[in-house]
Amino acid sequence: HTHNGQIFPLNFVVKALFEKAYGFYRRGETQY
């Protein structure tokens, strides 16, 4: 969904809107 921002400066917007906007992430035992 996030397209990792797609166009500058939207990458900063999606990083502010989503806990994790792109890539690998772990919360406890859950991987994203």
ModelCIF file with pLDDT and N, C-alpha, C, O atoms, coordinates in Angstrom:
data_MODEL
#
_entry.id   MODEL 
#
_entity.id                         1 
_entity.type                       polymer 
_entity.pdbx_number_of_molecules   1 
#
_entity_poly.entity_id                      1 
_entity_poly.type                           'polypeptide(L)' 
_entity_poly.nstd_linkage                   no 
_entity_poly.nstd_monomer                   no 
_entity_poly.pdbx_seq_one_letter_code       HTHNGQIFPLNFVVKALFEKAYGFYRRGETQY 
_entity_poly.pdbx_seq_one_letter_code_can   HTHNGQIFPLNFVVKALFEKAYGFYRRGETQY 
_entity_poly.pdbx_strand_id                 A 
#
loop_
_entity_poly_seq.entity_id 
_entity_poly_seq.num 
_entity_poly_seq.mon_id 
_entity_poly_seq.hetero 
1 1  HIS n 
1 2  THR n 
1 3  HIS n 
1 4  ASN n 
1 5  GLY n 
1 6  GLN n 
1 7  ILE n 
1 8  PHE n 
1 9  PRO n 
1 10 LEU n 
1 11 ASN n 
1 12 PHE n 
1 13 VAL n 
1 14 VAL n 
1 15 LYS n 
1 16 ALA n 
1 17 LEU n 
1 18 PHE n 
1 19 GLU n 
1 20 LYS n 
1 21 ALA n 
1 22 TYR n 
1 23 GLY n 
1 24 PHE n 
1 25 TYR n 
1 26 ARG n 
1 27 ARG n 
1 28 GLY n 
1 29 GLU n 
1 30 THR n 
1 31 GLN n 
1 32 TYR n 
#
_struct_asym.id          A 
_struct_asym.entity_id   1 
#
loop_
_ma_qa_metric.id 
_ma_qa_metric.mode 
_ma_qa_metric.name 
_ma_qa_metric.software_group_id 
_ma_qa_metric.type 
1 global pLDDT . pLDDT 
2 local  pLDDT . pLDDT 
#
_ma_qa_metric_global.metric_id      1 
_ma_qa_metric_global.metric_value   84.38 
_ma_qa_metric_global.model_id       1 
_ma_qa_metric_global.ordinal_id     1 
#
loop_
_ma_qa_metric_local.label_asym_id 
_ma_qa_metric_local.label_comp_id 
_ma_qa_metric_local.label_seq_id 
_ma_qa_metric_local.metric_id 
_ma_qa_metric_local.metric_value 
_ma_qa_metric_local.model_id 
_ma_qa_metric_local.ordinal_id 
A HIS 1  2 79.00 1 1  
A THR 2  2 76.00 1 2  
A HIS 3  2 76.00 1 3  
A ASN 4  2 75.00 1 4  
A GLY 5  2 65.00 1 5  
A GLN 6  2 74.00 1 6  
A ILE 7  2 78.00 1 7  
A PHE 8  2 84.00 1 8  
A PRO 9  2 82.00 1 9  
A LEU 10 2 79.00 1 10 
A ASN 11 2 82.00 1 11 
A PHE 12 2 84.00 1 12 
A VAL 13 2 83.00 1 13 
A VAL 14 2 81.00 1 14 
A LYS 15 2 84.00 1 15 
A ALA 16 2 84.00 1 16 
A LEU 17 2 84.00 1 17 
A PHE 18 2 83.00 1 18 
A GLU 19 2 81.00 1 19 
A LYS 20 2 83.00 1 20 
A ALA 21 2 82.00 1 21 
A TYR 22 2 84.00 1 22 
A GLY 23 2 88.00 1 23 
A PHE 24 2 93.00 1 24 
A TYR 25 2 94.00 1 25 
A ARG 26 2 95.00 1 26 
A ARG 27 2 93.00 1 27 
A GLY 28 2 93.00 1 28 
A GLU 29 2 93.00 1 29 
A THR 30 2 96.00 1 30 
A GLN 31 2 96.00 1 31 
A TYR 32 2 96.00 1 32 
#
loop_
_atom_site.group_PDB 
_atom_site.id 
_atom_site.type_symbol 
_atom_site.label_atom_id 
_atom_site.label_alt_id 
_atom_site.label_comp_id 
_atom_site.label_asym_id 
_atom_site.label_entity_id 
_atom_site.label_seq_id 
_atom_site.pdbx_PDB_ins_code 
_atom_site.Cartn_x 
_atom_site.Cartn_y 
_atom_site.Cartn_z 
_atom_site.occupancy 
_atom_site.B_iso_or_equiv 
_atom_site.pdbx_formal_charge 
_atom_site.auth_seq_id 
_atom_site.auth_comp_id 
_atom_site.auth_asym_id 
_atom_site.auth_atom_id 
_atom_site.pdbx_PDB_model_num 
ATOM 1   N N  . HIS A 1 1  ? 0.790  -1.230  0.000  1.00 79.00 ? 1  HIS A N  1 
ATOM 2   C CA . HIS A 1 1  ? 0.000  0.000   0.000  1.00 79.00 ? 1  HIS A CA 1 
ATOM 3   C C  . HIS A 1 1  ? 0.827  1.287   0.000  1.00 79.00 ? 1  HIS A C  1 
ATOM 4   O O  . HIS A 1 1  ? 0.457  2.240   -0.687 1.00 79.00 ? 1  HIS A O  1 
ATOM 5   N N  . THR A 1 2  ? 1.902  1.346   0.728  1.00 76.00 ? 2  THR A N  1 
ATOM 6   C CA . THR A 1 2  ? 2.614  2.615   0.923  1.00 76.00 ? 2  THR A CA 1 
ATOM 7   C C  . THR A 1 2  ? 3.436  3.035   -0.293 1.00 76.00 ? 2  THR A C  1 
ATOM 8   O O  . THR A 1 2  ? 3.730  4.221   -0.447 1.00 76.00 ? 2  THR A O  1 
ATOM 9   N N  . HIS A 1 3  ? 3.809  2.108   -1.147 1.00 76.00 ? 3  HIS A N  1 
ATOM 10  C CA . HIS A 1 3  ? 4.689  2.345   -2.303 1.00 76.00 ? 3  HIS A CA 1 
ATOM 11  C C  . HIS A 1 3  ? 6.015  2.971   -1.855 1.00 76.00 ? 3  HIS A C  1 
ATOM 12  O O  . HIS A 1 3  ? 6.774  3.501   -2.667 1.00 76.00 ? 3  HIS A O  1 
ATOM 13  N N  . ASN A 1 4  ? 6.273  2.898   -0.557 1.00 75.00 ? 4  ASN A N  1 
ATOM 14  C CA . ASN A 1 4  ? 7.471  3.499   0.044  1.00 75.00 ? 4  ASN A CA 1 
ATOM 15  C C  . ASN A 1 4  ? 7.582  4.983   -0.310 1.00 75.00 ? 4  ASN A C  1 
ATOM 16  O O  . ASN A 1 4  ? 8.675  5.518   -0.492 1.00 75.00 ? 4  ASN A O  1 
ATOM 17  N N  . GLY A 1 5  ? 6.443  5.615   -0.401 1.00 65.00 ? 5  GLY A N  1 
ATOM 18  C CA . GLY A 1 5  ? 6.424  7.046   -0.688 1.00 65.00 ? 5  GLY A CA 1 
ATOM 19  C C  . GLY A 1 5  ? 6.357  7.392   -2.159 1.00 65.00 ? 5  GLY A C  1 
ATOM 20  O O  . GLY A 1 5  ? 5.788  8.420   -2.526 1.00 65.00 ? 5  GLY A O  1 
ATOM 21  N N  . GLN A 1 6  ? 6.917  6.571   -2.994 1.00 74.00 ? 6  GLN A N  1 
ATOM 22  C CA . GLN A 1 6  ? 6.890  6.672   -4.458 1.00 74.00 ? 6  GLN A CA 1 
ATOM 23  C C  . GLN A 1 6  ? 7.552  7.932   -5.004 1.00 74.00 ? 6  GLN A C  1 
ATOM 24  O O  . GLN A 1 6  ? 8.452  7.840   -5.838 1.00 74.00 ? 6  GLN A O  1 
ATOM 25  N N  . ILE A 1 7  ? 7.124  9.098   -4.550 1.00 78.00 ? 7  ILE A N  1 
ATOM 26  C CA . ILE A 1 7  ? 7.660  10.360  -5.072 1.00 78.00 ? 7  ILE A CA 1 
ATOM 27  C C  . ILE A 1 7  ? 8.078  11.250  -3.900 1.00 78.00 ? 7  ILE A C  1 
ATOM 28  O O  . ILE A 1 7  ? 7.315  11.430  -2.951 1.00 78.00 ? 7  ILE A O  1 
ATOM 29  N N  . PHE A 1 8  ? 9.270  11.796  -3.966 1.00 84.00 ? 8  PHE A N  1 
ATOM 30  C CA . PHE A 1 8  ? 9.724  12.751  -2.947 1.00 84.00 ? 8  PHE A CA 1 
ATOM 31  C C  . PHE A 1 8  ? 8.763  13.942  -2.933 1.00 84.00 ? 8  PHE A C  1 
ATOM 32  O O  . PHE A 1 8  ? 8.409  14.429  -4.006 1.00 84.00 ? 8  PHE A O  1 
ATOM 33  N N  . PRO A 1 9  ? 8.340  14.416  -1.811 1.00 82.00 ? 9  PRO A N  1 
ATOM 34  C CA . PRO A 1 9  ? 8.660  14.082  -0.430 1.00 82.00 ? 9  PRO A CA 1 
ATOM 35  C C  . PRO A 1 9  ? 7.638  13.145  0.232  1.00 82.00 ? 9  PRO A C  1 
ATOM 36  O O  . PRO A 1 9  ? 7.583  13.059  1.459  1.00 82.00 ? 9  PRO A O  1 
ATOM 37  N N  . LEU A 1 10 ? 6.825  12.440  -0.583 1.00 79.00 ? 10 LEU A N  1 
ATOM 38  C CA . LEU A 1 10 ? 5.812  11.559  0.002  1.00 79.00 ? 10 LEU A CA 1 
ATOM 39  C C  . LEU A 1 10 ? 6.420  10.429  0.832  1.00 79.00 ? 10 LEU A C  1 
ATOM 40  O O  . LEU A 1 10 ? 5.744  9.862   1.691  1.00 79.00 ? 10 LEU A O  1 
ATOM 41  N N  . ASN A 1 11 ? 7.685  10.097  0.587  1.00 82.00 ? 11 ASN A N  1 
ATOM 42  C CA . ASN A 1 11 ? 8.337  9.091   1.418  1.00 82.00 ? 11 ASN A CA 1 
ATOM 43  C C  . ASN A 1 11 ? 8.346  9.521   2.886  1.00 82.00 ? 11 ASN A C  1 
ATOM 44  O O  . ASN A 1 11 ? 8.227  8.674   3.772  1.00 82.00 ? 11 ASN A O  1 
ATOM 45  N N  . PHE A 1 12 ? 8.482  10.809  3.157  1.00 84.00 ? 12 PHE A N  1 
ATOM 46  C CA . PHE A 1 12 ? 8.440  11.295  4.539  1.00 84.00 ? 12 PHE A CA 1 
ATOM 47  C C  . PHE A 1 12 ? 7.021  11.240  5.098  1.00 84.00 ? 12 PHE A C  1 
ATOM 48  O O  . PHE A 1 12 ? 6.827  10.999  6.289  1.00 84.00 ? 12 PHE A O  1 
ATOM 49  N N  . VAL A 1 13 ? 6.033  11.463  4.235  1.00 83.00 ? 13 VAL A N  1 
ATOM 50  C CA . VAL A 1 13 ? 4.635  11.407  4.663  1.00 83.00 ? 13 VAL A CA 1 
ATOM 51  C C  . VAL A 1 13 ? 4.265  9.990   5.077  1.00 83.00 ? 13 VAL A C  1 
ATOM 52  O O  . VAL A 1 13 ? 3.685  9.795   6.145  1.00 83.00 ? 13 VAL A O  1 
ATOM 53  N N  . VAL A 1 14 ? 4.593  8.987   4.242  1.00 81.00 ? 14 VAL A N  1 
ATOM 54  C CA . VAL A 1 14 ? 4.220  7.612   4.594  1.00 81.00 ? 14 VAL A CA 1 
ATOM 55  C C  . VAL A 1 14 ? 4.975  7.134   5.834  1.00 81.00 ? 14 VAL A C  1 
ATOM 56  O O  . VAL A 1 14 ? 4.444  6.346   6.617  1.00 81.00 ? 14 VAL A O  1 
ATOM 57  N N  . LYS A 1 15 ? 6.192  7.600   6.014  1.00 84.00 ? 15 LYS A N  1 
ATOM 58  C CA . LYS A 1 15 ? 6.937  7.236   7.231  1.00 84.00 ? 15 LYS A CA 1 
ATOM 59  C C  . LYS A 1 15 ? 6.276  7.824   8.474  1.00 84.00 ? 15 LYS A C  1 
ATOM 60  O O  . LYS A 1 15 ? 6.359  7.239   9.554  1.00 84.00 ? 15 LYS A O  1 
ATOM 61  N N  . ALA A 1 16 ? 5.625  8.967   8.331  1.00 84.00 ? 16 ALA A N  1 
ATOM 62  C CA . ALA A 1 16 ? 4.914  9.575   9.458  1.00 84.00 ? 16 ALA A CA 1 
ATOM 63  C C  . ALA A 1 16 ? 3.562  8.912   9.690  1.00 84.00 ? 16 ALA A C  1 
ATOM 64  O O  . ALA A 1 16 ? 3.090  8.856   10.825 1.00 84.00 ? 16 ALA A O  1 
ATOM 65  N N  . LEU A 1 17 ? 2.932  8.406   8.625  1.00 84.00 ? 17 LEU A N  1 
ATOM 66  C CA . LEU A 1 17 ? 1.597  7.822   8.737  1.00 84.00 ? 17 LEU A CA 1 
ATOM 67  C C  . LEU A 1 17 ? 1.595  6.379   9.220  1.00 84.00 ? 17 LEU A C  1 
ATOM 68  O O  . LEU A 1 17 ? 0.648  5.952   9.881  1.00 84.00 ? 17 LEU A O  1 
ATOM 69  N N  . PHE A 1 18 ? 2.635  5.624   8.901  1.00 83.00 ? 18 PHE A N  1 
ATOM 70  C CA . PHE A 1 18 ? 2.663  4.195   9.203  1.00 83.00 ? 18 PHE A CA 1 
ATOM 71  C C  . PHE A 1 18 ? 3.786  3.871   10.169 1.00 83.00 ? 18 PHE A C  1 
ATOM 72  O O  . PHE A 1 18 ? 4.882  4.426   10.090 1.00 83.00 ? 18 PHE A O  1 
ATOM 73  N N  . GLU A 1 19 ? 3.486  2.958   11.083 1.00 81.00 ? 19 GLU A N  1 
ATOM 74  C CA . GLU A 1 19 ? 4.506  2.505   12.027 1.00 81.00 ? 19 GLU A CA 1 
ATOM 75  C C  . GLU A 1 19 ? 5.709  1.928   11.281 1.00 81.00 ? 19 GLU A C  1 
ATOM 76  O O  . GLU A 1 19 ? 6.857  2.163   11.659 1.00 81.00 ? 19 GLU A O  1 
ATOM 77  N N  . LYS A 1 20 ? 5.431  1.171   10.217 1.00 83.00 ? 20 LYS A N  1 
ATOM 78  C CA . LYS A 1 20 ? 6.483  0.655   9.342  1.00 83.00 ? 20 LYS A CA 1 
ATOM 79  C C  . LYS A 1 20 ? 6.004  0.838   7.915  1.00 83.00 ? 20 LYS A C  1 
ATOM 80  O O  . LYS A 1 20 ? 5.054  0.175   7.497  1.00 83.00 ? 20 LYS A O  1 
ATOM 81  N N  . ALA A 1 21 ? 6.638  1.719   7.158  1.00 82.00 ? 21 ALA A N  1 
ATOM 82  C CA . ALA A 1 21 ? 6.196  2.057   5.807  1.00 82.00 ? 21 ALA A CA 1 
ATOM 83  C C  . ALA A 1 21 ? 6.858  1.207   4.736  1.00 82.00 ? 21 ALA A C  1 
ATOM 84  O O  . ALA A 1 21 ? 6.373  1.141   3.606  1.00 82.00 ? 21 ALA A O  1 
ATOM 85  N N  . TYR A 1 22 ? 7.983  0.542   5.089  1.00 84.00 ? 22 TYR A N  1 
ATOM 86  C CA . TYR A 1 22 ? 8.678  -0.267  4.094  1.00 84.00 ? 22 TYR A CA 1 
ATOM 87  C C  . TYR A 1 22 ? 9.700  -1.161  4.787  1.00 84.00 ? 22 TYR A C  1 
ATOM 88  O O  . TYR A 1 22 ? 10.338 -0.764  5.763  1.00 84.00 ? 22 TYR A O  1 
ATOM 89  N N  . GLY A 1 23 ? 9.841  -2.364  4.267  1.00 88.00 ? 23 GLY A N  1 
ATOM 90  C CA . GLY A 1 23 ? 10.907 -3.251  4.718  1.00 88.00 ? 23 GLY A CA 1 
ATOM 91  C C  . GLY A 1 23 ? 10.470 -4.249  5.778  1.00 88.00 ? 23 GLY A C  1 
ATOM 92  O O  . GLY A 1 23 ? 9.281  -4.517  5.956  1.00 88.00 ? 23 GLY A O  1 
ATOM 93  N N  . PHE A 1 24 ? 11.464 -4.794  6.481  1.00 93.00 ? 24 PHE A N  1 
ATOM 94  C CA . PHE A 1 24 ? 11.246 -5.801  7.519  1.00 93.00 ? 24 PHE A CA 1 
ATOM 95  C C  . PHE A 1 24 ? 11.133 -5.135  8.880  1.00 93.00 ? 24 PHE A C  1 
ATOM 96  O O  . PHE A 1 24 ? 11.810 -4.148  9.168  1.00 93.00 ? 24 PHE A O  1 
ATOM 97  N N  . TYR A 1 25 ? 10.279 -5.685  9.696  1.00 94.00 ? 25 TYR A N  1 
ATOM 98  C CA . TYR A 1 25 ? 10.028 -5.127  11.025 1.00 94.00 ? 25 TYR A CA 1 
ATOM 99  C C  . TYR A 1 25 ? 9.631  -6.271  11.946 1.00 94.00 ? 25 TYR A C  1 
ATOM 100 O O  . TYR A 1 25 ? 9.059  -7.262  11.492 1.00 94.00 ? 25 TYR A O  1 
ATOM 101 N N  . ARG A 1 26 ? 9.924  -6.145  13.217 1.00 95.00 ? 26 ARG A N  1 
ATOM 102 C CA . ARG A 1 26 ? 9.517  -7.149  14.194 1.00 95.00 ? 26 ARG A CA 1 
ATOM 103 C C  . ARG A 1 26 ? 8.928  -6.443  15.405 1.00 95.00 ? 26 ARG A C  1 
ATOM 104 O O  . ARG A 1 26 ? 9.468  -5.455  15.904 1.00 95.00 ? 26 ARG A O  1 
ATOM 105 N N  . ARG A 1 27 ? 7.806  -6.980  15.860 1.00 93.00 ? 27 ARG A N  1 
ATOM 106 C CA . ARG A 1 27 ? 7.165  -6.547  17.107 1.00 93.00 ? 27 ARG A CA 1 
ATOM 107 C C  . ARG A 1 27 ? 6.982  -7.796  17.932 1.00 93.00 ? 27 ARG A C  1 
ATOM 108 O O  . ARG A 1 27 ? 6.134  -8.628  17.610 1.00 93.00 ? 27 ARG A O  1 
ATOM 109 N N  . GLY A 1 28 ? 7.756  -7.948  18.989 1.00 93.00 ? 28 GLY A N  1 
ATOM 110 C CA . GLY A 1 28 ? 7.675  -9.179  19.773 1.00 93.00 ? 28 GLY A CA 1 
ATOM 111 C C  . GLY A 1 28 ? 8.021  -10.370 18.894 1.00 93.00 ? 28 GLY A C  1 
ATOM 112 O O  . GLY A 1 28 ? 9.072  -10.387 18.254 1.00 93.00 ? 28 GLY A O  1 
ATOM 113 N N  . GLU A 1 29 ? 7.139  -11.369 18.859 1.00 93.00 ? 29 GLU A N  1 
ATOM 114 C CA . GLU A 1 29 ? 7.360  -12.557 18.044 1.00 93.00 ? 29 GLU A CA 1 
ATOM 115 C C  . GLU A 1 29 ? 6.781  -12.429 16.633 1.00 93.00 ? 29 GLU A C  1 
ATOM 116 O O  . GLU A 1 29 ? 6.956  -13.328 15.811 1.00 93.00 ? 29 GLU A O  1 
ATOM 117 N N  . THR A 1 30 ? 6.100  -11.328 16.348 1.00 96.00 ? 30 THR A N  1 
ATOM 118 C CA . THR A 1 30 ? 5.475  -11.142 15.042 1.00 96.00 ? 30 THR A CA 1 
ATOM 119 C C  . THR A 1 30 ? 6.429  -10.412 14.107 1.00 96.00 ? 30 THR A C  1 
ATOM 120 O O  . THR A 1 30 ? 7.022  -9.397  14.470 1.00 96.00 ? 30 THR A O  1 
ATOM 121 N N  . GLN A 1 31 ? 6.565  -10.946 12.897 1.00 96.00 ? 31 GLN A N  1 
ATOM 122 C CA . GLN A 1 31 ? 7.408  -10.338 11.879 1.00 96.00 ? 31 GLN A CA 1 
ATOM 123 C C  . GLN A 1 31 ? 6.512  -9.701  10.813 1.00 96.00 ? 31 GLN A C  1 
ATOM 124 O O  . GLN A 1 31 ? 5.434  -10.212 10.508 1.00 96.00 ? 31 GLN A O  1 
ATOM 125 N N  . TYR A 1 32 ? 6.968  -8.597  10.260 1.00 96.00 ? 32 TYR A N  1 
ATOM 126 C CA . TYR A 1 32 ? 6.204  -7.855  9.261  1.00 96.00 ? 32 TYR A CA 1 
ATOM 127 C C  . TYR A 1 32 ? 7.111  -7.568  8.079  1.00 96.00 ? 32 TYR A C  1 
ATOM 128 O O  . TYR A 1 32 ? 6.679  -6.948  7.107  1.00 96.00 ? 32 TYR A O  1 
#
